[in-house]
Amino acid sequence: MPTIDRQKLGKQGEQIAAQFLKSKGLSIREVNFRCSAGEIDIIALDADIVVFVEVKTRSSEDFGLPEEAVNYFKQKKLIQLAMYYLQKEHSQNKRCRFDVVSIIIRNDKVKKINHFVDAFSA
């Protein structure tokens, strides 16, 4: 799949994930939070818990499930980014968790969406 198509698919997945999380009662704080160390797809609030969300979108399961791409190294990177964000926002004392939203989109239609709450811990 060409890079531009993957980027479009990824952006589409992030938009779908944000709407999905809103429908579950989460409040979206940021989408695509960027700093020099990287990017967090979605930062949300679930009551008083800061939720850092990694969104993985694919057009098929031919090369594995989307959530399988959130490996140990990706988790460590997200934890580092989350610590930076919490420090920047003076929120180091807030509770937080790491969720993964996995989406399969085919022909611009959502075929499957999974939300893994507290998918891994710091």
PDB file of N, CA and C in Angstrom:
ATOM      1  N   MET A   1       0.859  -1.183   0.000  1.00  0.00           N
ATOM      2  CA  MET A   1       0.000   0.000   0.000  1.00  0.00           C
ATOM      3  C   MET A   1       0.897   1.236   0.000  1.00  0.00           C
ATOM      4  N   PRO A   2       0.691   2.157  -0.936  1.00  0.00           N
ATOM      5  CA  PRO A   2       1.518   3.365  -0.982  1.00  0.00           C
ATOM      6  C   PRO A   2       1.413   4.173   0.313  1.00  0.00           C
ATOM      7  N   THR A   3       2.476   4.931   0.605  1.00  0.00           N
ATOM      8  CA  THR A   3       2.541   5.711   1.847  1.00  0.00           C
ATOM      9  C   THR A   3       1.362   6.652   2.000  1.00  0.00           C
ATOM     10  N   ILE A   4       0.978   7.340   0.929  1.00  0.00           N
ATOM     11  CA  ILE A   4      -0.116   8.311   1.020  1.00  0.00           C
ATOM     12  C   ILE A   4      -1.427   7.617   1.414  1.00  0.00           C
ATOM     13  N   ASP A   5      -1.651   6.416   0.875  1.00  0.00           N
ATOM     14  CA  ASP A   5      -2.854   5.660   1.223  1.00  0.00           C
ATOM     15  C   ASP A   5      -2.830   5.237   2.686  1.00  0.00           C
ATOM     16  N   ARG A   6      -1.646   4.831   3.169  1.00  0.00           N
ATOM     17  CA  ARG A   6      -1.519   4.451   4.582  1.00  0.00           C
ATOM     18  C   ARG A   6      -1.770   5.640   5.490  1.00  0.00           C
ATOM     19  N   GLN A   7      -1.252   6.799   5.090  1.00  0.00           N
ATOM     20  CA  GLN A   7      -1.472   8.016   5.890  1.00  0.00           C
ATOM     21  C   GLN A   7      -2.950   8.373   5.920  1.00  0.00           C
ATOM     22  N   LYS A   8      -3.611   8.280   4.764  1.00  0.00           N
ATOM     23  CA  LYS A   8      -5.043   8.574   4.690  1.00  0.00           C
ATOM     24  C   LYS A   8      -5.834   7.593   5.550  1.00  0.00           C
ATOM     25  N   LEU A   9      -5.484   6.313   5.465  1.00  0.00           N
ATOM     26  CA  LEU A   9      -6.149   5.290   6.254  1.00  0.00           C
ATOM     27  C   LEU A   9      -5.940   5.552   7.751  1.00  0.00           C
ATOM     28  N   GLY A  10      -4.715   5.925   8.121  1.00  0.00           N
ATOM     29  CA  GLY A  10      -4.408   6.219   9.513  1.00  0.00           C
ATOM     30  C   GLY A  10      -5.203   7.404  10.043  1.00  0.00           C
ATOM     31  N   LYS A  11      -5.268   8.477   9.268  1.00  0.00           N
ATOM     32  CA  LYS A  11      -6.039   9.666   9.676  1.00  0.00           C
ATOM     33  C   LYS A  11      -7.522   9.329   9.792  1.00  0.00           C
ATOM     34  N   GLN A  12      -8.016   8.559   8.840  1.00  0.00           N
ATOM     35  CA  GLN A  12      -9.423   8.132   8.873  1.00  0.00           C
ATOM     36  C   GLN A  12      -9.689   7.316  10.138  1.00  0.00           C
ATOM     37  N   GLY A  13      -8.771   6.412  10.463  1.00  0.00           N
ATOM     38  CA  GLY A  13      -8.907   5.597  11.657  1.00  0.00           C
ATOM     39  C   GLY A  13      -8.908   6.433  12.928  1.00  0.00           C
ATOM     40  N   GLU A  14      -8.052   7.452  12.991  1.00  0.00           N
ATOM     41  CA  GLU A  14      -8.003   8.315  14.172  1.00  0.00           C
ATOM     42  C   GLU A  14      -9.309   9.083  14.348  1.00  0.00           C
ATOM     43  N   GLN A  15      -9.887   9.544  13.253  1.00  0.00           N
ATOM     44  CA  GLN A  15     -11.174  10.251  13.333  1.00  0.00           C
ATOM     45  C   GLN A  15     -12.277   9.311  13.826  1.00  0.00           C
ATOM     46  N   ILE A  16     -12.301   8.107  13.288  1.00  0.00           N
ATOM     47  CA  ILE A  16     -13.301   7.114  13.696  1.00  0.00           C
ATOM     48  C   ILE A  16     -13.110   6.763  15.168  1.00  0.00           C
ATOM     49  N   ALA A  17     -11.861   6.571  15.580  1.00  0.00           N
ATOM     50  CA  ALA A  17     -11.575   6.227  16.978  1.00  0.00           C
ATOM     51  C   ALA A  17     -12.014   7.344  17.922  1.00  0.00           C
ATOM     52  N   ALA A  18     -11.756   8.603  17.552  1.00  0.00           N
ATOM     53  CA  ALA A  18     -12.160   9.727  18.401  1.00  0.00           C
ATOM     54  C   ALA A  18     -13.672   9.749  18.575  1.00  0.00           C
ATOM     55  N   GLN A  19     -14.415   9.549  17.492  1.00  0.00           N
ATOM     56  CA  GLN A  19     -15.882   9.517  17.584  1.00  0.00           C
ATOM     57  C   GLN A  19     -16.350   8.326  18.432  1.00  0.00           C
ATOM     58  N   PHE A  20     -15.708   7.196  18.234  1.00  0.00           N
ATOM     59  CA  PHE A  20     -16.040   5.991  18.991  1.00  0.00           C
ATOM     60  C   PHE A  20     -15.832   6.222  20.490  1.00  0.00           C
ATOM     61  N   LEU A  21     -14.701   6.825  20.842  1.00  0.00           N
ATOM     62  CA  LEU A  21     -14.404   7.083  22.257  1.00  0.00           C
ATOM     63  C   LEU A  21     -15.392   8.087  22.850  1.00  0.00           C
ATOM     64  N   LYS A  22     -15.747   9.110  22.068  1.00  0.00           N
ATOM     65  CA  LYS A  22     -16.759  10.075  22.524  1.00  0.00           C
ATOM     66  C   LYS A  22     -18.076   9.360  22.816  1.00  0.00           C
ATOM     67  N   SER A  23     -18.445   8.424  21.948  1.00  0.00           N
ATOM     68  CA  SER A  23     -19.705   7.695  22.128  1.00  0.00           C
ATOM     69  C   SER A  23     -19.684   6.833  23.392  1.00  0.00           C
ATOM     70  N   LYS A  24     -18.476   6.511  23.863  1.00  0.00           N
ATOM     71  CA  LYS A  24     -18.331   5.734  25.099  1.00  0.00           C
ATOM     72  C   LYS A  24     -18.186   6.651  26.320  1.00  0.00           C
ATOM     73  N   GLY A  25     -18.333   7.968  26.114  1.00  0.00           N
ATOM     74  CA  GLY A  25     -18.322   8.908  27.226  1.00  0.00           C
ATOM     75  C   GLY A  25     -16.983   9.540  27.542  1.00  0.00           C
ATOM     76  N   LEU A  26     -15.960   9.267  26.748  1.00  0.00           N
ATOM     77  CA  LEU A  26     -14.666   9.904  26.974  1.00  0.00           C
ATOM     78  C   LEU A  26     -14.672  11.300  26.368  1.00  0.00           C
ATOM     79  N   SER A  27     -13.931  12.192  26.970  1.00  0.00           N
ATOM     80  CA  SER A  27     -13.786  13.557  26.467  1.00  0.00           C
ATOM     81  C   SER A  27     -12.432  13.664  25.768  1.00  0.00           C
ATOM     82  N   ILE A  28     -12.452  14.003  24.490  1.00  0.00           N
ATOM     83  CA  ILE A  28     -11.211  14.093  23.712  1.00  0.00           C
ATOM     84  C   ILE A  28     -10.510  15.408  24.042  1.00  0.00           C
ATOM     85  N   ARG A  29      -9.262  15.312  24.480  1.00  0.00           N
ATOM     86  CA  ARG A  29      -8.467  16.501  24.820  1.00  0.00           C
ATOM     87  C   ARG A  29      -7.573  16.910  23.653  1.00  0.00           C
ATOM     88  N   GLU A  30      -6.941  15.936  23.033  1.00  0.00           N
ATOM     89  CA  GLU A  30      -6.024  16.223  21.927  1.00  0.00           C
ATOM     90  C   GLU A  30      -6.036  15.062  20.941  1.00  0.00           C
ATOM     91  N   VAL A  31      -5.858  15.408  19.679  1.00  0.00           N
ATOM     92  CA  VAL A  31      -5.657  14.411  18.632  1.00  0.00           C
ATOM     93  C   VAL A  31      -4.325  14.756  17.983  1.00  0.00           C
ATOM     94  N   ASN A  32      -3.481  13.757  17.804  1.00  0.00           N
ATOM     95  CA  ASN A  32      -2.150  13.929  17.223  1.00  0.00           C
ATOM     96  C   ASN A  32      -1.294  14.904  18.023  1.00  0.00           C
ATOM     97  N   PHE A  33      -1.173  14.667  19.330  1.00  0.00           N
ATOM     98  CA  PHE A  33      -0.262  15.460  20.155  1.00  0.00           C
ATOM     99  C   PHE A  33       1.159  15.149  19.711  1.00  0.00           C
ATOM    100  N   ARG A  34       1.889  16.198  19.328  1.00  0.00           N
ATOM    101  CA  ARG A  34       3.248  16.011  18.829  1.00  0.00           C
ATOM    102  C   ARG A  34       4.249  16.763  19.696  1.00  0.00           C
ATOM    103  N   CYS A  35       5.407  16.131  19.846  1.00  0.00           N
ATOM    104  CA  CYS A  35       6.559  16.795  20.443  1.00  0.00           C
ATOM    105  C   CYS A  35       7.788  16.231  19.733  1.00  0.00           C
ATOM    106  N   SER A  36       8.957  16.688  20.115  1.00  0.00           N
ATOM    107  CA  SER A  36      10.167  16.246  19.403  1.00  0.00           C
ATOM    108  C   SER A  36      10.401  14.737  19.518  1.00  0.00           C
ATOM    109  N   ALA A  37       9.854  14.120  20.557  1.00  0.00           N
ATOM    110  CA  ALA A  37      10.076  12.686  20.768  1.00  0.00           C
ATOM    111  C   ALA A  37       9.095  11.798  19.998  1.00  0.00           C
ATOM    112  N   GLY A  38       8.000  12.380  19.482  1.00  0.00           N
ATOM    113  CA  GLY A  38       7.037  11.563  18.756  1.00  0.00           C
ATOM    114  C   GLY A  38       5.625  12.093  18.853  1.00  0.00           C
ATOM    115  N   GLU A  39       4.672  11.183  18.687  1.00  0.00           N
ATOM    116  CA  GLU A  39       3.253  11.571  18.627  1.00  0.00           C
ATOM    117  C   GLU A  39       2.382  10.588  19.396  1.00  0.00           C
ATOM    118  N   ILE A  40       1.372  11.144  20.059  1.00  0.00           N
ATOM    119  CA  ILE A  40       0.332  10.331  20.691  1.00  0.00           C
ATOM    120  C   ILE A  40      -0.929  10.557  19.866  1.00  0.00           C
ATOM    121  N   ASP A  41      -1.569   9.482  19.421  1.00  0.00           N
ATOM    122  CA  ASP A  41      -2.720   9.607  18.533  1.00  0.00           C
ATOM    123  C   ASP A  41      -3.866  10.380  19.179  1.00  0.00           C
ATOM    124  N   ILE A  42      -4.301   9.947  20.361  1.00  0.00           N
ATOM    125  CA  ILE A  42      -5.430  10.597  21.035  1.00  0.00           C
ATOM    126  C   ILE A  42      -5.135  10.661  22.531  1.00  0.00           C
ATOM    127  N   ILE A  43      -5.435  11.814  23.112  1.00  0.00           N
ATOM    128  CA  ILE A  43      -5.401  11.959  24.565  1.00  0.00           C
ATOM    129  C   ILE A  43      -6.810  12.330  24.986  1.00  0.00           C
ATOM    130  N   ALA A  44      -7.361  11.565  25.918  1.00  0.00           N
ATOM    131  CA  ALA A  44      -8.749  11.759  26.329  1.00  0.00           C
ATOM    132  C   ALA A  44      -8.841  11.730  27.849  1.00  0.00           C
ATOM    133  N   LEU A  45      -9.997  12.108  28.341  1.00  0.00           N
ATOM    134  CA  LEU A  45     -10.293  11.978  29.768  1.00  0.00           C
ATOM    135  C   LEU A  45     -11.459  11.016  29.927  1.00  0.00           C
ATOM    136  N   ASP A  46     -11.315  10.085  30.847  1.00  0.00           N
ATOM    137  CA  ASP A  46     -12.388   9.176  31.229  1.00  0.00           C
ATOM    138  C   ASP A  46     -12.613   9.444  32.711  1.00  0.00           C
ATOM    139  N   ALA A  47     -13.591  10.302  33.004  1.00  0.00           N
ATOM    140  CA  ALA A  47     -13.788  10.840  34.356  1.00  0.00           C
ATOM    141  C   ALA A  47     -12.514  11.588  34.720  1.00  0.00           C
ATOM    142  N   ASP A  48     -11.775  11.132  35.751  1.00  0.00           N
ATOM    143  CA  ASP A  48     -10.558  11.837  36.152  1.00  0.00           C
ATOM    144  C   ASP A  48      -9.283  11.125  35.699  1.00  0.00           C
ATOM    145  N   ILE A  49      -9.415  10.186  34.792  1.00  0.00           N
ATOM    146  CA  ILE A  49      -8.259   9.423  34.297  1.00  0.00           C
ATOM    147  C   ILE A  49      -7.842   9.969  32.934  1.00  0.00           C
ATOM    148  N   VAL A  50      -6.548  10.285  32.802  1.00  0.00           N
ATOM    149  CA  VAL A  50      -6.002  10.697  31.504  1.00  0.00           C
ATOM    150  C   VAL A  50      -5.737   9.424  30.709  1.00  0.00           C
ATOM    151  N   VAL A  51      -6.314   9.359  29.513  1.00  0.00           N
ATOM    152  CA  VAL A  51      -6.216   8.152  28.682  1.00  0.00           C
ATOM    153  C   VAL A  51      -5.389   8.467  27.437  1.00  0.00           C
ATOM    154  N   PHE A  52      -4.291   7.739  27.278  1.00  0.00           N
ATOM    155  CA  PHE A  52      -3.434   7.862  26.106  1.00  0.00           C
ATOM    156  C   PHE A  52      -3.804   6.716  25.169  1.00  0.00           C
ATOM    157  N   VAL A  53      -4.220   7.074  23.956  1.00  0.00           N
ATOM    158  CA  VAL A  53      -4.775   6.072  23.041  1.00  0.00           C
ATOM    159  C   VAL A  53      -3.899   5.935  21.800  1.00  0.00           C
ATOM    160  N   GLU A  54      -3.514   4.715  21.516  1.00  0.00           N
ATOM    161  CA  GLU A  54      -2.826   4.386  20.274  1.00  0.00           C
ATOM    162  C   GLU A  54      -3.864   3.788  19.336  1.00  0.00           C
ATOM    163  N   VAL A  55      -3.968   4.343  18.139  1.00  0.00           N
ATOM    164  CA  VAL A  55      -4.932   3.865  17.144  1.00  0.00           C
ATOM    165  C   VAL A  55      -4.169   3.117  16.059  1.00  0.00           C
ATOM    166  N   LYS A  56      -4.599   1.913  15.765  1.00  0.00           N
ATOM    167  CA  LYS A  56      -4.004   1.131  14.687  1.00  0.00           C
ATOM    168  C   LYS A  56      -5.101   0.763  13.703  1.00  0.00           C
ATOM    169  N   THR A  57      -4.910   1.162  12.459  1.00  0.00           N
ATOM    170  CA  THR A  57      -5.913   0.953  11.414  1.00  0.00           C
ATOM    171  C   THR A  57      -5.291   0.179  10.262  1.00  0.00           C
ATOM    172  N   ARG A  58      -6.011  -0.796   9.786  1.00  0.00           N
ATOM    173  CA  ARG A  58      -5.571  -1.571   8.616  1.00  0.00           C
ATOM    174  C   ARG A  58      -6.755  -1.805   7.702  1.00  0.00           C
ATOM    175  N   SER A  59      -6.445  -2.203   6.479  1.00  0.00           N
ATOM    176  CA  SER A  59      -7.505  -2.494   5.514  1.00  0.00           C
ATOM    177  C   SER A  59      -7.845  -3.977   5.476  1.00  0.00           C
ATOM    178  N   SER A  60      -7.037  -4.798   6.148  1.00  0.00           N
ATOM    179  CA  SER A  60      -7.316  -6.235   6.228  1.00  0.00           C
ATOM    180  C   SER A  60      -6.529  -6.813   7.403  1.00  0.00           C
ATOM    181  N   GLU A  61      -6.772  -8.083   7.649  1.00  0.00           N
ATOM    182  CA  GLU A  61      -6.022  -8.787   8.696  1.00  0.00           C
ATOM    183  C   GLU A  61      -4.966  -9.708   8.072  1.00  0.00           C
ATOM    184  N   ASP A  62      -4.681  -9.502   6.795  1.00  0.00           N
ATOM    185  CA  ASP A  62      -3.756 -10.376   6.067  1.00  0.00           C
ATOM    186  C   ASP A  62      -2.378 -10.459   6.723  1.00  0.00           C
ATOM    187  N   PHE A  63      -1.923  -9.370   7.327  1.00  0.00           N
ATOM    188  CA  PHE A  63      -0.597  -9.349   7.941  1.00  0.00           C
ATOM    189  C   PHE A  63      -0.697  -9.266   9.463  1.00  0.00           C
ATOM    190  N   GLY A  64      -1.777  -9.778  10.013  1.00  0.00           N
ATOM    191  CA  GLY A  64      -1.976  -9.777  11.452  1.00  0.00           C
ATOM    192  C   GLY A  64      -2.999  -8.729  11.872  1.00  0.00           C
ATOM    193  N   LEU A  65      -3.373  -8.787  13.133  1.00  0.00           N
ATOM    194  CA  LEU A  65      -4.346  -7.843  13.674  1.00  0.00           C
ATOM    195  C   LEU A  65      -3.679  -6.495  13.922  1.00  0.00           C
ATOM    196  N   PRO A  66      -4.412  -5.403  13.744  1.00  0.00           N
ATOM    197  CA  PRO A  66      -3.801  -4.083  13.931  1.00  0.00           C
ATOM    198  C   PRO A  66      -3.171  -3.908  15.313  1.00  0.00           C
ATOM    199  N   GLU A  67      -3.851  -4.396  16.352  1.00  0.00           N
ATOM    200  CA  GLU A  67      -3.353  -4.199  17.718  1.00  0.00           C
ATOM    201  C   GLU A  67      -2.019  -4.897  17.966  1.00  0.00           C
ATOM    202  N   GLU A  68      -1.694  -5.894  17.145  1.00  0.00           N
ATOM    203  CA  GLU A  68      -0.419  -6.592  17.308  1.00  0.00           C
ATOM    204  C   GLU A  68       0.775  -5.694  17.003  1.00  0.00           C
ATOM    205  N   ALA A  69       0.531  -4.581  16.331  1.00  0.00           N
ATOM    206  CA  ALA A  69       1.606  -3.637  16.006  1.00  0.00           C
ATOM    207  C   ALA A  69       2.024  -2.798  17.212  1.00  0.00           C
ATOM    208  N   VAL A  70       1.247  -2.857  18.288  1.00  0.00           N
ATOM    209  CA  VAL A  70       1.612  -2.099  19.497  1.00  0.00           C
ATOM    210  C   VAL A  70       2.494  -3.020  20.348  1.00  0.00           C
ATOM    211  N   ASN A  71       3.731  -3.158  19.901  1.00  0.00           N
ATOM    212  CA  ASN A  71       4.678  -4.065  20.547  1.00  0.00           C
ATOM    213  C   ASN A  71       5.362  -3.395  21.738  1.00  0.00           C
ATOM    214  N   TYR A  72       6.270  -4.107  22.347  1.00  0.00           N
ATOM    215  CA  TYR A  72       6.987  -3.629  23.530  1.00  0.00           C
ATOM    216  C   TYR A  72       7.641  -2.266  23.289  1.00  0.00           C
ATOM    217  N   PHE A  73       8.302  -2.109  22.143  1.00  0.00           N
ATOM    218  CA  PHE A  73       9.013  -0.862  21.858  1.00  0.00           C
ATOM    219  C   PHE A  73       8.046   0.301  21.677  1.00  0.00           C
ATOM    220  N   LYS A  74       6.927   0.045  21.011  1.00  0.00           N
ATOM    221  CA  LYS A  74       5.902   1.074  20.835  1.00  0.00           C
ATOM    222  C   LYS A  74       5.314   1.456  22.190  1.00  0.00           C
ATOM    223  N   GLN A  75       5.089   0.472  23.043  1.00  0.00           N
ATOM    224  CA  GLN A  75       4.563   0.750  24.375  1.00  0.00           C
ATOM    225  C   GLN A  75       5.521   1.626  25.171  1.00  0.00           C
ATOM    226  N   LYS A  76       6.803   1.310  25.139  1.00  0.00           N
ATOM    227  CA  LYS A  76       7.802   2.105  25.869  1.00  0.00           C
ATOM    228  C   LYS A  76       7.837   3.538  25.348  1.00  0.00           C
ATOM    229  N   LYS A  77       7.735   3.695  24.047  1.00  0.00           N
ATOM    230  CA  LYS A  77       7.731   5.028  23.434  1.00  0.00           C
ATOM    231  C   LYS A  77       6.492   5.809  23.905  1.00  0.00           C
ATOM    232  N   LEU A  78       5.336   5.161  23.914  1.00  0.00           N
ATOM    233  CA  LEU A  78       4.107   5.827  24.356  1.00  0.00           C
ATOM    234  C   LEU A  78       4.187   6.227  25.831  1.00  0.00           C
ATOM    235  N   ILE A  79       4.794   5.390  26.639  1.00  0.00           N
ATOM    236  CA  ILE A  79       4.957   5.713  28.057  1.00  0.00           C
ATOM    237  C   ILE A  79       5.836   6.951  28.216  1.00  0.00           C
ATOM    238  N   GLN A  80       6.922   7.026  27.462  1.00  0.00           N
ATOM    239  CA  GLN A  80       7.803   8.207  27.502  1.00  0.00           C
ATOM    240  C   GLN A  80       7.043   9.462  27.084  1.00  0.00           C
ATOM    241  N   LEU A  81       6.300   9.361  26.001  1.00  0.00           N
ATOM    242  CA  LEU A  81       5.533  10.507  25.510  1.00  0.00           C
ATOM    243  C   LEU A  81       4.476  10.935  26.525  1.00  0.00           C
ATOM    244  N   ALA A  82       3.826   9.969  27.155  1.00  0.00           N
ATOM    245  CA  ALA A  82       2.805  10.266  28.159  1.00  0.00           C
ATOM    246  C   ALA A  82       3.424  10.988  29.354  1.00  0.00           C
ATOM    247  N   MET A  83       4.590  10.534  29.788  1.00  0.00           N
ATOM    248  CA  MET A  83       5.259  11.187  30.919  1.00  0.00           C
ATOM    249  C   MET A  83       5.595  12.639  30.567  1.00  0.00           C
ATOM    250  N   TYR A  84       6.056  12.845  29.349  1.00  0.00           N
ATOM    251  CA  TYR A  84       6.351  14.209  28.898  1.00  0.00           C
ATOM    252  C   TYR A  84       5.076  15.061  28.914  1.00  0.00           C
ATOM    253  N   TYR A  85       4.002  14.527  28.375  1.00  0.00           N
ATOM    254  CA  TYR A  85       2.727  15.264  28.323  1.00  0.00           C
ATOM    255  C   TYR A  85       2.243  15.615  29.726  1.00  0.00           C
ATOM    256  N   LEU A  86       2.257  14.649  30.624  1.00  0.00           N
ATOM    257  CA  LEU A  86       1.781  14.893  31.994  1.00  0.00           C
ATOM    258  C   LEU A  86       2.628  15.965  32.688  1.00  0.00           C
ATOM    259  N   GLN A  87       3.926  15.927  32.456  1.00  0.00           N
ATOM    260  CA  GLN A  87       4.810  16.932  33.048  1.00  0.00           C
ATOM    261  C   GLN A  87       4.531  18.311  32.450  1.00  0.00           C
ATOM    262  N   LYS A  88       4.377  18.356  31.131  1.00  0.00           N
ATOM    263  CA  LYS A  88       4.092  19.613  30.433  1.00  0.00           C
ATOM    264  C   LYS A  88       2.796  20.239  30.925  1.00  0.00           C
ATOM    265  N   GLU A  89       1.802  19.415  31.208  1.00  0.00           N
ATOM    266  CA  GLU A  89       0.484  19.888  31.637  1.00  0.00           C
ATOM    267  C   GLU A  89       0.366  20.006  33.162  1.00  0.00           C
ATOM    268  N   HIS A  90       1.487  19.793  33.867  1.00  0.00           N
ATOM    269  CA  HIS A  90       1.493  19.838  35.336  1.00  0.00           C
ATOM    270  C   HIS A  90       0.448  18.878  35.909  1.00  0.00           C
ATOM    271  N   SER A  91       0.396  17.698  35.329  1.00  0.00           N
ATOM    272  CA  SER A  91      -0.603  16.698  35.714  1.00  0.00           C
ATOM    273  C   SER A  91       0.050  15.405  36.182  1.00  0.00           C
ATOM    274  N   GLN A  92       1.267  15.498  36.705  1.00  0.00           N
ATOM    275  CA  GLN A  92       1.994  14.291  37.093  1.00  0.00           C
ATOM    276  C   GLN A  92       1.241  13.465  38.137  1.00  0.00           C
ATOM    277  N   ASN A  93       0.388  14.093  38.918  1.00  0.00           N
ATOM    278  CA  ASN A  93      -0.324  13.364  39.979  1.00  0.00           C
ATOM    279  C   ASN A  93      -1.631  12.750  39.510  1.00  0.00           C
ATOM    280  N   LYS A  94      -1.984  12.961  38.237  1.00  0.00           N
ATOM    281  CA  LYS A  94      -3.234  12.386  37.713  1.00  0.00           C
ATOM    282  C   LYS A  94      -3.039  10.914  37.381  1.00  0.00           C
ATOM    283  N   ARG A  95      -4.114  10.171  37.556  1.00  0.00           N
ATOM    284  CA  ARG A  95      -4.099   8.763  37.136  1.00  0.00           C
ATOM    285  C   ARG A  95      -4.140   8.723  35.618  1.00  0.00           C
ATOM    286  N   CYS A  96      -3.513   7.713  35.046  1.00  0.00           N
ATOM    287  CA  CYS A  96      -3.553   7.579  33.588  1.00  0.00           C
ATOM    288  C   CYS A  96      -3.594   6.106  33.221  1.00  0.00           C
ATOM    289  N   ARG A  97      -3.959   5.877  31.972  1.00  0.00           N
ATOM    290  CA  ARG A  97      -3.953   4.514  31.438  1.00  0.00           C
ATOM    291  C   ARG A  97      -3.655   4.587  29.941  1.00  0.00           C
ATOM    292  N   PHE A  98      -3.343   3.429  29.380  1.00  0.00           N
ATOM    293  CA  PHE A  98      -3.004   3.320  27.971  1.00  0.00           C
ATOM    294  C   PHE A  98      -3.997   2.381  27.297  1.00  0.00           C
ATOM    295  N   ASP A  99      -4.742   2.912  26.331  1.00  0.00           N
ATOM    296  CA  ASP A  99      -5.715   2.131  25.573  1.00  0.00           C
ATOM    297  C   ASP A  99      -5.228   1.962  24.144  1.00  0.00           C
ATOM    298  N   VAL A 100      -5.734   0.951  23.490  1.00  0.00           N
ATOM    299  CA  VAL A 100      -5.481   0.737  22.061  1.00  0.00           C
ATOM    300  C   VAL A 100      -6.833   0.597  21.379  1.00  0.00           C
ATOM    301  N   VAL A 101      -7.003   1.309  20.270  1.00  0.00           N
ATOM    302  CA  VAL A 101      -8.187   1.136  19.427  1.00  0.00           C
ATOM    303  C   VAL A 101      -7.703   0.548  18.108  1.00  0.00           C
ATOM    304  N   SER A 102      -8.257  -0.598  17.778  1.00  0.00           N
ATOM    305  CA  SER A 102      -7.886  -1.354  16.587  1.00  0.00           C
ATOM    306  C   SER A 102      -9.057  -1.298  15.599  1.00  0.00           C
ATOM    307  N   ILE A 103      -8.759  -0.904  14.363  1.00  0.00           N
ATOM    308  CA  ILE A 103      -9.826  -0.709  13.371  1.00  0.00           C
ATOM    309  C   ILE A 103      -9.455  -1.388  12.054  1.00  0.00           C
ATOM    310  N   ILE A 104     -10.433  -2.058  11.465  1.00  0.00           N
ATOM    311  CA  ILE A 104     -10.304  -2.584  10.100  1.00  0.00           C
ATOM    312  C   ILE A 104     -11.290  -1.793   9.241  1.00  0.00           C
ATOM    313  N   ILE A 105     -10.766  -1.137   8.206  1.00  0.00           N
ATOM    314  CA  ILE A 105     -11.595  -0.363   7.272  1.00  0.00           C
ATOM    315  C   ILE A 105     -11.393  -0.948   5.879  1.00  0.00           C
ATOM    316  N   ARG A 106     -12.496  -1.279   5.223  1.00  0.00           N
ATOM    317  CA  ARG A 106     -12.440  -1.764   3.853  1.00  0.00           C
ATOM    318  C   ARG A 106     -13.452  -1.007   3.024  1.00  0.00           C
ATOM    319  N   ASN A 107     -13.039  -0.462   1.905  1.00  0.00           N
ATOM    320  CA  ASN A 107     -13.928   0.309   1.024  1.00  0.00           C
ATOM    321  C   ASN A 107     -14.610   1.444   1.790  1.00  0.00           C
ATOM    322  N   ASP A 108     -13.821   2.149   2.596  1.00  0.00           N
ATOM    323  CA  ASP A 108     -14.304   3.287   3.391  1.00  0.00           C
ATOM    324  C   ASP A 108     -15.391   2.921   4.395  1.00  0.00           C
ATOM    325  N   LYS A 109     -15.483   1.645   4.761  1.00  0.00           N
ATOM    326  CA  LYS A 109     -16.457   1.208   5.763  1.00  0.00           C
ATOM    327  C   LYS A 109     -15.734   0.507   6.900  1.00  0.00           C
ATOM    328  N   VAL A 110     -16.162   0.800   8.122  1.00  0.00           N
ATOM    329  CA  VAL A 110     -15.581   0.138   9.289  1.00  0.00           C
ATOM    330  C   VAL A 110     -16.109  -1.294   9.340  1.00  0.00           C
ATOM    331  N   LYS A 111     -15.205  -2.240   9.236  1.00  0.00           N
ATOM    332  CA  LYS A 111     -15.578  -3.655   9.296  1.00  0.00           C
ATOM    333  C   LYS A 111     -15.455  -4.182  10.717  1.00  0.00           C
ATOM    334  N   LYS A 112     -14.529  -3.598  11.483  1.00  0.00           N
ATOM    335  CA  LYS A 112     -14.287  -4.098  12.829  1.00  0.00           C
ATOM    336  C   LYS A 112     -13.613  -3.004  13.644  1.00  0.00           C
ATOM    337  N   ILE A 113     -14.053  -2.840  14.888  1.00  0.00           N
ATOM    338  CA  ILE A 113     -13.402  -1.906  15.803  1.00  0.00           C
ATOM    339  C   ILE A 113     -13.340  -2.552  17.185  1.00  0.00           C
ATOM    340  N   ASN A 114     -12.169  -2.528  17.768  1.00  0.00           N
ATOM    341  CA  ASN A 114     -11.956  -3.077  19.109  1.00  0.00           C
ATOM    342  C   ASN A 114     -11.286  -2.019  19.973  1.00  0.00           C
ATOM    343  N   HIS A 115     -11.754  -1.912  21.197  1.00  0.00           N
ATOM    344  CA  HIS A 115     -11.179  -0.970  22.164  1.00  0.00           C
ATOM    345  C   HIS A 115     -10.601  -1.786  23.307  1.00  0.00           C
ATOM    346  N   PHE A 116      -9.284  -1.735  23.443  1.00  0.00           N
ATOM    347  CA  PHE A 116      -8.597  -2.441  24.514  1.00  0.00           C
ATOM    348  C   PHE A 116      -8.299  -1.431  25.616  1.00  0.00           C
ATOM    349  N   VAL A 117      -9.117  -1.476  26.670  1.00  0.00           N
ATOM    350  CA  VAL A 117      -8.975  -0.553  27.792  1.00  0.00           C
ATOM    351  C   VAL A 117      -7.838  -1.036  28.679  1.00  0.00           C
ATOM    352  N   ASP A 118      -6.946  -0.104  29.064  1.00  0.00           N
ATOM    353  CA  ASP A 118      -5.817  -0.443  29.927  1.00  0.00           C
ATOM    354  C   ASP A 118      -5.016  -1.572  29.304  1.00  0.00           C
ATOM    355  N   ALA A 119      -4.672  -1.392  28.028  1.00  0.00           N
ATOM    356  CA  ALA A 119      -4.019  -2.435  27.223  1.00  0.00           C
ATOM    357  C   ALA A 119      -2.635  -2.804  27.747  1.00  0.00           C
ATOM    358  N   PHE A 120      -1.937  -1.851  28.356  1.00  0.00           N
ATOM    359  CA  PHE A 120      -0.633  -2.103  28.958  1.00  0.00           C
ATOM    360  C   PHE A 120      -0.403  -1.048  30.019  1.00  0.00           C
ATOM    361  N   SER A 121       0.590  -1.260  30.859  1.00  0.00           N
ATOM    362  CA  SER A 121       0.828  -0.295  31.935  1.00  0.00           C
ATOM    363  C   SER A 121       2.273   0.192  31.928  1.00  0.00           C
ATOM    364  N   ALA A 122       2.466   1.311  32.585  1.00  0.00           N
ATOM    365  CA  ALA A 122       3.801   1.928  32.639  1.00  0.00           C
ATOM    366  C   ALA A 122       4.684   1.185  33.605  1.00  0.00           C
TER     367      ALA A 122
END
